[in-house]
Amino acid sequence: IARFGTRQPREPDYAGAFQEIGPAAIKLG
């Protein structure tokens, strides 16, 4: 459901995603 309609890169960038979400996500990552 969350990824419906999104364009995804060939190689996942987990670090970039947590960085974009915010401070608490950085610590969680």
mmCIF file of all heavy atoms, coordinates in Angstrom:
data_MODEL
# 
_entry.id   MODEL 
# 
loop_
_atom_site.group_PDB 
_atom_site.id 
_atom_site.type_symbol 
_atom_site.label_atom_id 
_atom_site.label_alt_id 
_atom_site.label_comp_id 
_atom_site.label_asym_id 
_atom_site.label_entity_id 
_atom_site.label_seq_id 
_atom_site.pdbx_PDB_ins_code 
_atom_site.Cartn_x 
_atom_site.Cartn_y 
_atom_site.Cartn_z 
_atom_site.occupancy 
_atom_site.B_iso_or_equiv 
_atom_site.pdbx_formal_charge 
_atom_site.auth_seq_id 
_atom_site.auth_comp_id 
_atom_site.auth_asym_id 
_atom_site.auth_atom_id 
_atom_site.pdbx_PDB_model_num 
ATOM 1   N N   . ILE A 1 1  ? 0.839  -1.204 0.000   1.00 0.00 ? 1  ILE A N   1 
ATOM 2   C CA  . ILE A 1 1  ? 0.000  0.000  0.000   1.00 0.00 ? 1  ILE A CA  1 
ATOM 3   C C   . ILE A 1 1  ? 0.873  1.252  0.000   1.00 0.00 ? 1  ILE A C   1 
ATOM 4   O O   . ILE A 1 1  ? 0.622  2.207  -0.736  1.00 0.00 ? 1  ILE A O   1 
ATOM 5   C CB  . ILE A 1 1  ? -0.936 -0.005 1.228   1.00 0.00 ? 1  ILE A CB  1 
ATOM 6   C CG1 . ILE A 1 1  ? -1.957 -1.141 1.111   1.00 0.00 ? 1  ILE A CG1 1 
ATOM 7   C CG2 . ILE A 1 1  ? -1.638 1.337  1.383   1.00 0.00 ? 1  ILE A CG2 1 
ATOM 8   C CD1 . ILE A 1 1  ? -2.781 -1.352 2.366   1.00 0.00 ? 1  ILE A CD1 1 
ATOM 9   N N   . ALA A 1 2  ? 1.928  1.255  0.833   1.00 0.00 ? 2  ALA A N   1 
ATOM 10  C CA  . ALA A 1 2  ? 2.783  2.434  0.969   1.00 0.00 ? 2  ALA A CA  1 
ATOM 11  C C   . ALA A 1 2  ? 3.530  2.755  -0.325  1.00 0.00 ? 2  ALA A C   1 
ATOM 12  O O   . ALA A 1 2  ? 3.757  3.922  -0.644  1.00 0.00 ? 2  ALA A O   1 
ATOM 13  C CB  . ALA A 1 2  ? 3.775  2.222  2.114   1.00 0.00 ? 2  ALA A CB  1 
ATOM 14  N N   . ARG A 1 3  ? 3.918  1.736  -1.075  1.00 0.00 ? 3  ARG A N   1 
ATOM 15  C CA  . ARG A 1 3  ? 4.726  2.004  -2.275  1.00 0.00 ? 3  ARG A CA  1 
ATOM 16  C C   . ARG A 1 3  ? 3.877  2.163  -3.541  1.00 0.00 ? 3  ARG A C   1 
ATOM 17  O O   . ARG A 1 3  ? 4.416  2.399  -4.622  1.00 0.00 ? 3  ARG A O   1 
ATOM 18  C CB  . ARG A 1 3  ? 5.728  0.888  -2.487  1.00 0.00 ? 3  ARG A CB  1 
ATOM 19  C CG  . ARG A 1 3  ? 5.154  -0.434 -2.919  1.00 0.00 ? 3  ARG A CG  1 
ATOM 20  C CD  . ARG A 1 3  ? 6.237  -1.404 -3.350  1.00 0.00 ? 3  ARG A CD  1 
ATOM 21  N NE  . ARG A 1 3  ? 5.704  -2.726 -3.617  1.00 0.00 ? 3  ARG A NE  1 
ATOM 22  C CZ  . ARG A 1 3  ? 5.092  -3.067 -4.753  1.00 0.00 ? 3  ARG A CZ  1 
ATOM 23  N NH1 . ARG A 1 3  ? 4.910  -2.171 -5.712  1.00 0.00 ? 3  ARG A NH1 1 
ATOM 24  N NH2 . ARG A 1 3  ? 4.645  -4.297 -4.919  1.00 0.00 ? 3  ARG A NH2 1 
ATOM 25  N N   . PHE A 1 4  ? 2.551  2.046  -3.398  1.00 0.00 ? 4  PHE A N   1 
ATOM 26  C CA  . PHE A 1 4  ? 1.684  2.132  -4.579  1.00 0.00 ? 4  PHE A CA  1 
ATOM 27  C C   . PHE A 1 4  ? 1.876  3.462  -5.297  1.00 0.00 ? 4  PHE A C   1 
ATOM 28  O O   . PHE A 1 4  ? 1.746  4.535  -4.700  1.00 0.00 ? 4  PHE A O   1 
ATOM 29  C CB  . PHE A 1 4  ? 0.219  1.964  -4.161  1.00 0.00 ? 4  PHE A CB  1 
ATOM 30  C CG  . PHE A 1 4  ? -0.745 2.000  -5.324  1.00 0.00 ? 4  PHE A CG  1 
ATOM 31  C CD1 . PHE A 1 4  ? -0.874 0.909  -6.161  1.00 0.00 ? 4  PHE A CD1 1 
ATOM 32  C CD2 . PHE A 1 4  ? -1.483 3.147  -5.586  1.00 0.00 ? 4  PHE A CD2 1 
ATOM 33  C CE1 . PHE A 1 4  ? -1.754 0.945  -7.237  1.00 0.00 ? 4  PHE A CE1 1 
ATOM 34  C CE2 . PHE A 1 4  ? -2.358 3.200  -6.657  1.00 0.00 ? 4  PHE A CE2 1 
ATOM 35  C CZ  . PHE A 1 4  ? -2.492 2.087  -7.490  1.00 0.00 ? 4  PHE A CZ  1 
ATOM 36  N N   . GLY A 1 5  ? 2.201  3.395  -6.576  1.00 0.00 ? 5  GLY A N   1 
ATOM 37  C CA  . GLY A 1 5  ? 2.344  4.597  -7.382  1.00 0.00 ? 5  GLY A CA  1 
ATOM 38  C C   . GLY A 1 5  ? 3.695  5.284  -7.294  1.00 0.00 ? 5  GLY A C   1 
ATOM 39  O O   . GLY A 1 5  ? 3.890  6.335  -7.911  1.00 0.00 ? 5  GLY A O   1 
ATOM 40  N N   . THR A 1 6  ? 4.649  4.727  -6.541  1.00 0.00 ? 6  THR A N   1 
ATOM 41  C CA  . THR A 1 6  ? 5.965  5.366  -6.412  1.00 0.00 ? 6  THR A CA  1 
ATOM 42  C C   . THR A 1 6  ? 6.949  4.763  -7.410  1.00 0.00 ? 6  THR A C   1 
ATOM 43  O O   . THR A 1 6  ? 6.796  3.618  -7.854  1.00 0.00 ? 6  THR A O   1 
ATOM 44  C CB  . THR A 1 6  ? 6.537  5.184  -4.996  1.00 0.00 ? 6  THR A CB  1 
ATOM 45  O OG1 . THR A 1 6  ? 6.701  3.788  -4.729  1.00 0.00 ? 6  THR A OG1 1 
ATOM 46  C CG2 . THR A 1 6  ? 5.617  5.790  -3.960  1.00 0.00 ? 6  THR A CG2 1 
ATOM 47  N N   . ARG A 1 7  ? 7.973  5.543  -7.735  1.00 0.00 ? 7  ARG A N   1 
ATOM 48  C CA  . ARG A 1 7  ? 9.074  5.048  -8.562  1.00 0.00 ? 7  ARG A CA  1 
ATOM 49  C C   . ARG A 1 7  ? 10.225 4.678  -7.648  1.00 0.00 ? 7  ARG A C   1 
ATOM 50  O O   . ARG A 1 7  ? 10.665 5.484  -6.835  1.00 0.00 ? 7  ARG A O   1 
ATOM 51  C CB  . ARG A 1 7  ? 9.527  6.123  -9.551  1.00 0.00 ? 7  ARG A CB  1 
ATOM 52  C CG  . ARG A 1 7  ? 8.512  6.420  -10.643 1.00 0.00 ? 7  ARG A CG  1 
ATOM 53  C CD  . ARG A 1 7  ? 9.081  7.401  -11.650 1.00 0.00 ? 7  ARG A CD  1 
ATOM 54  N NE  . ARG A 1 7  ? 8.157  7.658  -12.739 1.00 0.00 ? 7  ARG A NE  1 
ATOM 55  C CZ  . ARG A 1 7  ? 8.418  8.460  -13.772 1.00 0.00 ? 7  ARG A CZ  1 
ATOM 56  N NH1 . ARG A 1 7  ? 9.592  9.081  -13.828 1.00 0.00 ? 7  ARG A NH1 1 
ATOM 57  N NH2 . ARG A 1 7  ? 7.518  8.647  -14.716 1.00 0.00 ? 7  ARG A NH2 1 
ATOM 58  N N   . GLN A 1 8  ? 10.705 3.455  -7.793  1.00 0.00 ? 8  GLN A N   1 
ATOM 59  C CA  . GLN A 1 8  ? 11.735 2.973  -6.886  1.00 0.00 ? 8  GLN A CA  1 
ATOM 60  C C   . GLN A 1 8  ? 13.064 2.809  -7.624  1.00 0.00 ? 8  GLN A C   1 
ATOM 61  O O   . GLN A 1 8  ? 13.090 2.360  -8.771  1.00 0.00 ? 8  GLN A O   1 
ATOM 62  C CB  . GLN A 1 8  ? 11.321 1.622  -6.289  1.00 0.00 ? 8  GLN A CB  1 
ATOM 63  C CG  . GLN A 1 8  ? 10.016 1.673  -5.518  1.00 0.00 ? 8  GLN A CG  1 
ATOM 64  C CD  . GLN A 1 8  ? 9.658  0.318  -4.942  1.00 0.00 ? 8  GLN A CD  1 
ATOM 65  O OE1 . GLN A 1 8  ? 10.353 -0.195 -4.080  1.00 0.00 ? 8  GLN A OE1 1 
ATOM 66  N NE2 . GLN A 1 8  ? 8.579  -0.275 -5.431  1.00 0.00 ? 8  GLN A NE2 1 
ATOM 67  N N   . PRO A 1 9  ? 14.169 3.156  -6.959  1.00 0.00 ? 9  PRO A N   1 
ATOM 68  C CA  . PRO A 1 9  ? 15.485 2.970  -7.588  1.00 0.00 ? 9  PRO A CA  1 
ATOM 69  C C   . PRO A 1 9  ? 15.840 1.496  -7.682  1.00 0.00 ? 9  PRO A C   1 
ATOM 70  O O   . PRO A 1 9  ? 15.284 0.661  -6.956  1.00 0.00 ? 9  PRO A O   1 
ATOM 71  C CB  . PRO A 1 9  ? 16.427 3.717  -6.638  1.00 0.00 ? 9  PRO A CB  1 
ATOM 72  C CG  . PRO A 1 9  ? 15.747 3.663  -5.313  1.00 0.00 ? 9  PRO A CG  1 
ATOM 73  C CD  . PRO A 1 9  ? 14.272 3.719  -5.605  1.00 0.00 ? 9  PRO A CD  1 
ATOM 74  N N   . ARG A 1 10 ? 16.807 1.185  -8.538  1.00 0.00 ? 10 ARG A N   1 
ATOM 75  C CA  . ARG A 1 10 ? 17.215 -0.204 -8.683  1.00 0.00 ? 10 ARG A CA  1 
ATOM 76  C C   . ARG A 1 10 ? 17.879 -0.720 -7.417  1.00 0.00 ? 10 ARG A C   1 
ATOM 77  O O   . ARG A 1 10 ? 17.635 -1.840 -6.986  1.00 0.00 ? 10 ARG A O   1 
ATOM 78  C CB  . ARG A 1 10 ? 18.167 -0.325 -9.875  1.00 0.00 ? 10 ARG A CB  1 
ATOM 79  C CG  . ARG A 1 10 ? 18.647 -1.745 -10.140 1.00 0.00 ? 10 ARG A CG  1 
ATOM 80  C CD  . ARG A 1 10 ? 19.429 -1.834 -11.434 1.00 0.00 ? 10 ARG A CD  1 
ATOM 81  N NE  . ARG A 1 10 ? 18.598 -1.438 -12.579 1.00 0.00 ? 10 ARG A NE  1 
ATOM 82  C CZ  . ARG A 1 10 ? 19.065 -1.364 -13.822 1.00 0.00 ? 10 ARG A CZ  1 
ATOM 83  N NH1 . ARG A 1 10 ? 20.333 -1.618 -14.083 1.00 0.00 ? 10 ARG A NH1 1 
ATOM 84  N NH2 . ARG A 1 10 ? 18.262 -1.007 -14.814 1.00 0.00 ? 10 ARG A NH2 1 
ATOM 85  N N   . GLU A 1 11 ? 18.724 0.126  -6.798  1.00 0.00 ? 11 GLU A N   1 
ATOM 86  C CA  . GLU A 1 11 ? 19.406 -0.245 -5.567  1.00 0.00 ? 11 GLU A CA  1 
ATOM 87  C C   . GLU A 1 11 ? 18.783 0.512  -4.395  1.00 0.00 ? 11 GLU A C   1 
ATOM 88  O O   . GLU A 1 11 ? 18.746 1.737  -4.408  1.00 0.00 ? 11 GLU A O   1 
ATOM 89  C CB  . GLU A 1 11 ? 20.904 0.081  -5.650  1.00 0.00 ? 11 GLU A CB  1 
ATOM 90  C CG  . GLU A 1 11 ? 21.673 -0.796 -6.612  1.00 0.00 ? 11 GLU A CG  1 
ATOM 91  C CD  . GLU A 1 11 ? 21.679 -2.262 -6.201  1.00 0.00 ? 11 GLU A CD  1 
ATOM 92  O OE1 . GLU A 1 11 ? 21.683 -2.520 -4.973  1.00 0.00 ? 11 GLU A OE1 1 
ATOM 93  O OE2 . GLU A 1 11 ? 21.652 -3.135 -7.084  1.00 0.00 ? 11 GLU A OE2 1 
ATOM 94  N N   . PRO A 1 12 ? 18.286 -0.181 -3.394  1.00 0.00 ? 12 PRO A N   1 
ATOM 95  C CA  . PRO A 1 12 ? 17.657 0.505  -2.249  1.00 0.00 ? 12 PRO A CA  1 
ATOM 96  C C   . PRO A 1 12 ? 18.658 1.381  -1.503  1.00 0.00 ? 12 PRO A C   1 
ATOM 97  O O   . PRO A 1 12 ? 19.826 1.018  -1.347  1.00 0.00 ? 12 PRO A O   1 
ATOM 98  C CB  . PRO A 1 12 ? 17.187 -0.647 -1.356  1.00 0.00 ? 12 PRO A CB  1 
ATOM 99  C CG  . PRO A 1 12 ? 17.156 -1.848 -2.239  1.00 0.00 ? 12 PRO A CG  1 
ATOM 100 C CD  . PRO A 1 12 ? 18.226 -1.642 -3.259  1.00 0.00 ? 12 PRO A CD  1 
ATOM 101 N N   . ASP A 1 13 ? 18.197 2.541  -1.057  1.00 0.00 ? 13 ASP A N   1 
ATOM 102 C CA  . ASP A 1 13 ? 19.035 3.452  -0.268  1.00 0.00 ? 13 ASP A CA  1 
ATOM 103 C C   . ASP A 1 13 ? 18.368 3.636  1.094   1.00 0.00 ? 13 ASP A C   1 
ATOM 104 O O   . ASP A 1 13 ? 17.622 4.582  1.322   1.00 0.00 ? 13 ASP A O   1 
ATOM 105 C CB  . ASP A 1 13 ? 19.186 4.793  -0.980  1.00 0.00 ? 13 ASP A CB  1 
ATOM 106 C CG  . ASP A 1 13 ? 20.074 5.762  -0.203  1.00 0.00 ? 13 ASP A CG  1 
ATOM 107 O OD1 . ASP A 1 13 ? 20.755 5.317  0.741   1.00 0.00 ? 13 ASP A OD1 1 
ATOM 108 O OD2 . ASP A 1 13 ? 20.072 6.965  -0.535  1.00 0.00 ? 13 ASP A OD2 1 
ATOM 109 N N   . TYR A 1 14 ? 18.649 2.712  1.996   1.00 0.00 ? 14 TYR A N   1 
ATOM 110 C CA  . TYR A 1 14 ? 18.022 2.755  3.317   1.00 0.00 ? 14 TYR A CA  1 
ATOM 111 C C   . TYR A 1 14 ? 18.507 3.964  4.110   1.00 0.00 ? 14 TYR A C   1 
ATOM 112 O O   . TYR A 1 14 ? 17.727 4.645  4.784   1.00 0.00 ? 14 TYR A O   1 
ATOM 113 C CB  . TYR A 1 14 ? 18.345 1.464  4.075   1.00 0.00 ? 14 TYR A CB  1 
ATOM 114 C CG  . TYR A 1 14 ? 17.881 0.220  3.363   1.00 0.00 ? 14 TYR A CG  1 
ATOM 115 C CD1 . TYR A 1 14 ? 18.737 -0.473 2.507   1.00 0.00 ? 14 TYR A CD1 1 
ATOM 116 C CD2 . TYR A 1 14 ? 16.592 -0.254 3.534   1.00 0.00 ? 14 TYR A CD2 1 
ATOM 117 C CE1 . TYR A 1 14 ? 18.313 -1.613 1.843   1.00 0.00 ? 14 TYR A CE1 1 
ATOM 118 C CE2 . TYR A 1 14 ? 16.157 -1.394 2.871   1.00 0.00 ? 14 TYR A CE2 1 
ATOM 119 C CZ  . TYR A 1 14 ? 17.022 -2.065 2.026   1.00 0.00 ? 14 TYR A CZ  1 
ATOM 120 O OH  . TYR A 1 14 ? 16.595 -3.183 1.360   1.00 0.00 ? 14 TYR A OH  1 
ATOM 121 N N   . ALA A 1 15 ? 19.803 4.240  4.041   1.00 0.00 ? 15 ALA A N   1 
ATOM 122 C CA  . ALA A 1 15 ? 20.367 5.364  4.783   1.00 0.00 ? 15 ALA A CA  1 
ATOM 123 C C   . ALA A 1 15 ? 19.744 6.677  4.333   1.00 0.00 ? 15 ALA A C   1 
ATOM 124 O O   . ALA A 1 15 ? 19.391 7.534  5.147   1.00 0.00 ? 15 ALA A O   1 
ATOM 125 C CB  . ALA A 1 15 ? 21.885 5.400  4.615   1.00 0.00 ? 15 ALA A CB  1 
ATOM 126 N N   . GLY A 1 16 ? 19.584 6.844  3.013   1.00 0.00 ? 16 GLY A N   1 
ATOM 127 C CA  . GLY A 1 16 ? 18.982 8.068  2.497   1.00 0.00 ? 16 GLY A CA  1 
ATOM 128 C C   . GLY A 1 16 ? 17.543 8.233  2.953   1.00 0.00 ? 16 GLY A C   1 
ATOM 129 O O   . GLY A 1 16 ? 17.101 9.344  3.250   1.00 0.00 ? 16 GLY A O   1 
ATOM 130 N N   . ALA A 1 17 ? 16.804 7.124  3.038   1.00 0.00 ? 17 ALA A N   1 
ATOM 131 C CA  . ALA A 1 17 ? 15.405 7.194  3.481   1.00 0.00 ? 17 ALA A CA  1 
ATOM 132 C C   . ALA A 1 17 ? 15.311 7.635  4.928   1.00 0.00 ? 17 ALA A C   1 
ATOM 133 O O   . ALA A 1 17 ? 14.528 8.537  5.262   1.00 0.00 ? 17 ALA A O   1 
ATOM 134 C CB  . ALA A 1 17 ? 14.748 5.825  3.295   1.00 0.00 ? 17 ALA A CB  1 
ATOM 135 N N   . PHE A 1 18 ? 16.105 7.028  5.801   1.00 0.00 ? 18 PHE A N   1 
ATOM 136 C CA  . PHE A 1 18 ? 16.061 7.406  7.217   1.00 0.00 ? 18 PHE A CA  1 
ATOM 137 C C   . PHE A 1 18 ? 16.535 8.847  7.415   1.00 0.00 ? 18 PHE A C   1 
ATOM 138 O O   . PHE A 1 18 ? 16.019 9.561  8.275   1.00 0.00 ? 18 PHE A O   1 
ATOM 139 C CB  . PHE A 1 18 ? 16.913 6.445  8.042   1.00 0.00 ? 18 PHE A CB  1 
ATOM 140 C CG  . PHE A 1 18 ? 16.236 5.133  8.324   1.00 0.00 ? 18 PHE A CG  1 
ATOM 141 C CD1 . PHE A 1 18 ? 16.307 4.086  7.431   1.00 0.00 ? 18 PHE A CD1 1 
ATOM 142 C CD2 . PHE A 1 18 ? 15.501 4.961  9.487   1.00 0.00 ? 18 PHE A CD2 1 
ATOM 143 C CE1 . PHE A 1 18 ? 15.677 2.886  7.678   1.00 0.00 ? 18 PHE A CE1 1 
ATOM 144 C CE2 . PHE A 1 18 ? 14.863 3.763  9.752   1.00 0.00 ? 18 PHE A CE2 1 
ATOM 145 C CZ  . PHE A 1 18 ? 14.945 2.717  8.840   1.00 0.00 ? 18 PHE A CZ  1 
ATOM 146 N N   . GLN A 1 19 ? 17.503 9.260  6.608   1.00 0.00 ? 19 GLN A N   1 
ATOM 147 C CA  . GLN A 1 19 ? 17.984 10.638 6.694   1.00 0.00 ? 19 GLN A CA  1 
ATOM 148 C C   . GLN A 1 19 ? 16.861 11.614 6.357   1.00 0.00 ? 19 GLN A C   1 
ATOM 149 O O   . GLN A 1 19 ? 16.687 12.642 7.023   1.00 0.00 ? 19 GLN A O   1 
ATOM 150 C CB  . GLN A 1 19 ? 19.152 10.833 5.713   1.00 0.00 ? 19 GLN A CB  1 
ATOM 151 C CG  . GLN A 1 19 ? 19.823 12.190 5.780   1.00 0.00 ? 19 GLN A CG  1 
ATOM 152 C CD  . GLN A 1 19 ? 20.987 12.204 6.742   1.00 0.00 ? 19 GLN A CD  1 
ATOM 153 O OE1 . GLN A 1 19 ? 21.418 11.165 7.189   1.00 0.00 ? 19 GLN A OE1 1 
ATOM 154 N NE2 . GLN A 1 19 ? 21.477 13.378 7.052   1.00 0.00 ? 19 GLN A NE2 1 
ATOM 155 N N   . GLU A 1 20 ? 16.072 11.281 5.340   1.00 0.00 ? 20 GLU A N   1 
ATOM 156 C CA  . GLU A 1 20 ? 14.992 12.176 4.916   1.00 0.00 ? 20 GLU A CA  1 
ATOM 157 C C   . GLU A 1 20 ? 13.851 12.217 5.924   1.00 0.00 ? 20 GLU A C   1 
ATOM 158 O O   . GLU A 1 20 ? 13.234 13.263 6.125   1.00 0.00 ? 20 GLU A O   1 
ATOM 159 C CB  . GLU A 1 20 ? 14.463 11.729 3.544   1.00 0.00 ? 20 GLU A CB  1 
ATOM 160 C CG  . GLU A 1 20 ? 13.379 12.634 2.983   1.00 0.00 ? 20 GLU A CG  1 
ATOM 161 C CD  . GLU A 1 20 ? 12.898 12.204 1.613   1.00 0.00 ? 20 GLU A CD  1 
ATOM 162 O OE1 . GLU A 1 20 ? 13.682 11.567 0.879   1.00 0.00 ? 20 GLU A OE1 1 
ATOM 163 O OE2 . GLU A 1 20 ? 11.736 12.497 1.281   1.00 0.00 ? 20 GLU A OE2 1 
ATOM 164 N N   . ILE A 1 21 ? 13.569 11.103 6.584   1.00 0.00 ? 21 ILE A N   1 
ATOM 165 C CA  . ILE A 1 21 ? 12.447 11.059 7.520   1.00 0.00 ? 21 ILE A CA  1 
ATOM 166 C C   . ILE A 1 21 ? 12.681 11.973 8.713   1.00 0.00 ? 21 ILE A C   1 
ATOM 167 O O   . ILE A 1 21 ? 11.768 12.645 9.180   1.00 0.00 ? 21 ILE A O   1 
ATOM 168 C CB  . ILE A 1 21 ? 12.185 9.608  7.972   1.00 0.00 ? 21 ILE A CB  1 
ATOM 169 C CG1 . ILE A 1 21 ? 11.631 8.804  6.785   1.00 0.00 ? 21 ILE A CG1 1 
ATOM 170 C CG2 . ILE A 1 21 ? 11.200 9.567  9.129   1.00 0.00 ? 21 ILE A CG2 1 
ATOM 171 C CD1 . ILE A 1 21 ? 11.513 7.318  7.056   1.00 0.00 ? 21 ILE A CD1 1 
ATOM 172 N N   . GLY A 1 22 ? 13.928 12.017 9.238   1.00 0.00 ? 22 GLY A N   1 
ATOM 173 C CA  . GLY A 1 22 ? 14.173 12.959 10.328  1.00 0.00 ? 22 GLY A CA  1 
ATOM 174 C C   . GLY A 1 22 ? 15.048 12.427 11.440  1.00 0.00 ? 22 GLY A C   1 
ATOM 175 O O   . GLY A 1 22 ? 15.556 11.300 11.382  1.00 0.00 ? 22 GLY A O   1 
ATOM 176 N N   . PRO A 1 23 ? 15.237 13.235 12.490  1.00 0.00 ? 23 PRO A N   1 
ATOM 177 C CA  . PRO A 1 23 ? 16.191 12.918 13.562  1.00 0.00 ? 23 PRO A CA  1 
ATOM 178 C C   . PRO A 1 23 ? 15.958 11.579 14.248  1.00 0.00 ? 23 PRO A C   1 
ATOM 179 O O   . PRO A 1 23 ? 16.888 10.801 14.433  1.00 0.00 ? 23 PRO A O   1 
ATOM 180 C CB  . PRO A 1 23 ? 16.001 14.083 14.549  1.00 0.00 ? 23 PRO A CB  1 
ATOM 181 C CG  . PRO A 1 23 ? 15.481 15.203 13.729  1.00 0.00 ? 23 PRO A CG  1 
ATOM 182 C CD  . PRO A 1 23 ? 14.627 14.568 12.684  1.00 0.00 ? 23 PRO A CD  1 
ATOM 183 N N   . ALA A 1 24 ? 14.712 11.298 14.655  1.00 0.00 ? 24 ALA A N   1 
ATOM 184 C CA  . ALA A 1 24 ? 14.455 10.041 15.364  1.00 0.00 ? 24 ALA A CA  1 
ATOM 185 C C   . ALA A 1 24 ? 14.708 8.849  14.454  1.00 0.00 ? 24 ALA A C   1 
ATOM 186 O O   . ALA A 1 24 ? 15.206 7.804  14.896  1.00 0.00 ? 24 ALA A O   1 
ATOM 187 C CB  . ALA A 1 24 ? 13.020 10.019 15.890  1.00 0.00 ? 24 ALA A CB  1 
ATOM 188 N N   . ALA A 1 25 ? 14.385 8.999  13.169  1.00 0.00 ? 25 ALA A N   1 
ATOM 189 C CA  . ALA A 1 25 ? 14.610 7.906  12.221  1.00 0.00 ? 25 ALA A CA  1 
ATOM 190 C C   . ALA A 1 25 ? 16.104 7.651  12.028  1.00 0.00 ? 25 ALA A C   1 
ATOM 191 O O   . ALA A 1 25 ? 16.523 6.509  11.815  1.00 0.00 ? 25 ALA A O   1 
ATOM 192 C CB  . ALA A 1 25 ? 13.957 8.236  10.878  1.00 0.00 ? 25 ALA A CB  1 
ATOM 193 N N   . ILE A 1 26 ? 16.917 8.696  12.090  1.00 0.00 ? 26 ILE A N   1 
ATOM 194 C CA  . ILE A 1 26 ? 18.363 8.521  11.971  1.00 0.00 ? 26 ILE A CA  1 
ATOM 195 C C   . ILE A 1 26 ? 18.865 7.638  13.109  1.00 0.00 ? 26 ILE A C   1 
ATOM 196 O O   . ILE A 1 26 ? 19.657 6.702  12.906  1.00 0.00 ? 26 ILE A O   1 
ATOM 197 C CB  . ILE A 1 26 ? 19.079 9.885  11.974  1.00 0.00 ? 26 ILE A CB  1 
ATOM 198 C CG1 . ILE A 1 26 ? 18.768 10.637 10.671  1.00 0.00 ? 26 ILE A CG1 1 
ATOM 199 C CG2 . ILE A 1 26 ? 20.588 9.716  12.157  1.00 0.00 ? 26 ILE A CG2 1 
ATOM 200 C CD1 . ILE A 1 26 ? 19.297 12.057 10.638  1.00 0.00 ? 26 ILE A CD1 1 
ATOM 201 N N   . LYS A 1 27 ? 18.417 7.925  14.321  1.00 0.00 ? 27 LYS A N   1 
ATOM 202 C CA  . LYS A 1 27 ? 18.820 7.114  15.476  1.00 0.00 ? 27 LYS A CA  1 
ATOM 203 C C   . LYS A 1 27 ? 18.299 5.681  15.337  1.00 0.00 ? 27 LYS A C   1 
ATOM 204 O O   . LYS A 1 27 ? 19.000 4.716  15.675  1.00 0.00 ? 27 LYS A O   1 
ATOM 205 C CB  . LYS A 1 27 ? 18.308 7.735  16.771  1.00 0.00 ? 27 LYS A CB  1 
ATOM 206 C CG  . LYS A 1 27 ? 18.909 9.102  17.078  1.00 0.00 ? 27 LYS A CG  1 
ATOM 207 C CD  . LYS A 1 27 ? 20.418 9.013  17.206  1.00 0.00 ? 27 LYS A CD  1 
ATOM 208 C CE  . LYS A 1 27 ? 21.051 10.360 17.499  1.00 0.00 ? 27 LYS A CE  1 
ATOM 209 N NZ  . LYS A 1 27 ? 22.529 10.293 17.484  1.00 0.00 ? 27 LYS A NZ  1 
ATOM 210 N N   . LEU A 1 28 ? 17.069 5.519  14.845  1.00 0.00 ? 28 LEU A N   1 
ATOM 211 C CA  . LEU A 1 28 ? 16.517 4.192  14.637  1.00 0.00 ? 28 LEU A CA  1 
ATOM 212 C C   . LEU A 1 28 ? 17.329 3.440  13.587  1.00 0.00 ? 28 LEU A C   1 
ATOM 213 O O   . LEU A 1 28 ? 17.631 2.251  13.755  1.00 0.00 ? 28 LEU A O   1 
ATOM 214 C CB  . LEU A 1 28 ? 15.051 4.294  14.199  1.00 0.00 ? 28 LEU A CB  1 
ATOM 215 C CG  . LEU A 1 28 ? 14.350 2.972  13.883  1.00 0.00 ? 28 LEU A CG  1 
ATOM 216 C CD1 . LEU A 1 28 ? 14.322 2.068  15.111  1.00 0.00 ? 28 LEU A CD1 1 
ATOM 217 C CD2 . LEU A 1 28 ? 12.942 3.224  13.376  1.00 0.00 ? 28 LEU A CD2 1 
ATOM 218 N N   . GLY A 1 29 ? 17.703 4.133  12.530  1.00 0.00 ? 29 GLY A N   1 
ATOM 219 C CA  . GLY A 1 29 ? 18.508 3.497  11.484  1.00 0.00 ? 29 GLY A CA  1 
ATOM 220 C C   . GLY A 1 29 ? 19.855 3.034  11.993  1.00 0.00 ? 29 GLY A C   1 
ATOM 221 O O   . GLY A 1 29 ? 20.340 1.959  11.638  1.00 0.00 ? 29 GLY A O   1 
# 
